[in-house]
Amino acid sequence: MGPAFYVMAILGCGEADAACQPVGRVEARYESLEACNAATAMAVSQHMNLAFPVVAAQCQREDEALAQKL
């Protein structure tokens, strides 16, 4: 098994109990979960123009993120 890379999804969230939904993806790949998590604040600040009350970012292993798309 090769090295793991991480990608970041941008999530748009509603108010109260409304679930978050994926609305974008950061085009960078990160070599560790820690590096990805460290970049989330900047990514969220760059996506504050989305039409959601709350914008969040979530890091995932790249292979897991691809599997969820299939």
Protein backbone atom coordinates (compact mmCIF):
# COMPACT_ATOMS: atom_id res chain seq x y z
CA MET A 1 0.00 0.00 0.00
CA GLY A 2 1.37 3.40 -0.99
CA PRO A 3 1.38 6.64 0.95
CA ALA A 4 -1.93 8.12 2.04
CA PHE A 5 -2.98 11.53 0.81
CA TYR A 6 -5.80 13.67 2.16
CA VAL A 7 -8.28 15.93 0.42
CA MET A 8 -10.61 18.55 1.82
CA ALA A 9 -14.33 18.80 1.16
CA ILE A 10 -16.18 22.08 1.64
CA LEU A 11 -19.55 21.61 3.35
CA GLY A 12 -22.56 23.88 3.39
CA CYS A 13 -24.58 23.54 6.57
CA GLY A 14 -28.05 24.72 7.50
CA GLU A 15 -29.22 26.03 10.83
CA ALA A 16 -30.10 23.91 13.86
CA ASP A 17 -30.30 20.21 13.01
CA ALA A 18 -30.02 20.57 9.23
CA ALA A 19 -27.38 18.24 7.85
CA CYS A 20 -24.29 19.53 6.08
CA GLN A 21 -23.86 18.71 2.42
CA PRO A 22 -20.76 18.69 0.21
CA VAL A 23 -20.67 21.80 -1.97
CA GLY A 24 -17.08 21.85 -3.17
CA ARG A 25 -13.59 20.51 -2.85
CA VAL A 26 -10.22 22.13 -2.30
CA GLU A 27 -7.95 21.14 -5.20
CA ALA A 28 -4.91 20.55 -2.97
CA ARG A 29 -3.68 17.16 -1.72
CA TYR A 30 -2.16 16.94 1.75
CA GLU A 31 0.46 14.44 2.88
CA SER A 32 -1.00 14.09 6.38
CA LEU A 33 -4.27 14.55 8.20
CA GLU A 34 -2.60 17.15 10.41
CA ALA A 35 -1.55 19.24 7.39
CA CYS A 36 -5.05 19.05 5.96
CA ASN A 37 -6.67 20.01 9.26
CA ALA A 38 -4.27 22.94 9.62
CA ALA A 39 -5.50 24.31 6.28
CA THR A 40 -9.23 24.12 7.06
CA ALA A 41 -9.59 27.61 8.57
CA MET A 42 -8.11 29.24 5.46
CA ALA A 43 -10.28 27.10 3.16
CA VAL A 44 -13.45 28.00 5.06
CA SER A 45 -12.59 31.71 4.94
CA GLN A 46 -12.17 31.47 1.16
CA HIS A 47 -15.64 29.91 0.75
CA MET A 48 -17.72 32.20 2.99
CA ASN A 49 -19.60 33.50 -0.07
CA LEU A 50 -21.63 30.28 -0.33
CA ALA A 51 -25.37 30.53 0.30
CA PHE A 52 -25.33 28.62 3.60
CA PRO A 53 -25.51 29.91 7.17
CA VAL A 54 -22.48 27.78 8.10
CA VAL A 55 -19.56 26.69 5.93
CA ALA A 56 -17.22 23.95 7.15
CA ALA A 57 -14.33 21.89 5.83
CA GLN A 58 -13.68 18.21 6.36
CA CYS A 59 -10.53 16.24 5.59
CA GLN A 60 -10.68 12.68 4.29
CA ARG A 61 -8.24 10.17 2.93
CA GLU A 62 -8.21 10.57 -0.83
CA ASP A 63 -9.06 6.90 -1.44
CA GLU A 64 -12.07 7.14 0.93
CA ALA A 65 -13.29 10.32 -0.76
CA LEU A 66 -13.09 8.64 -4.18
CA ALA A 67 -14.91 5.55 -2.92
CA GLN A 68 -17.80 7.71 -1.68
CA LYS A 69 -18.25 9.17 -5.18
CA LEU A 70 -18.69 5.72 -6.75
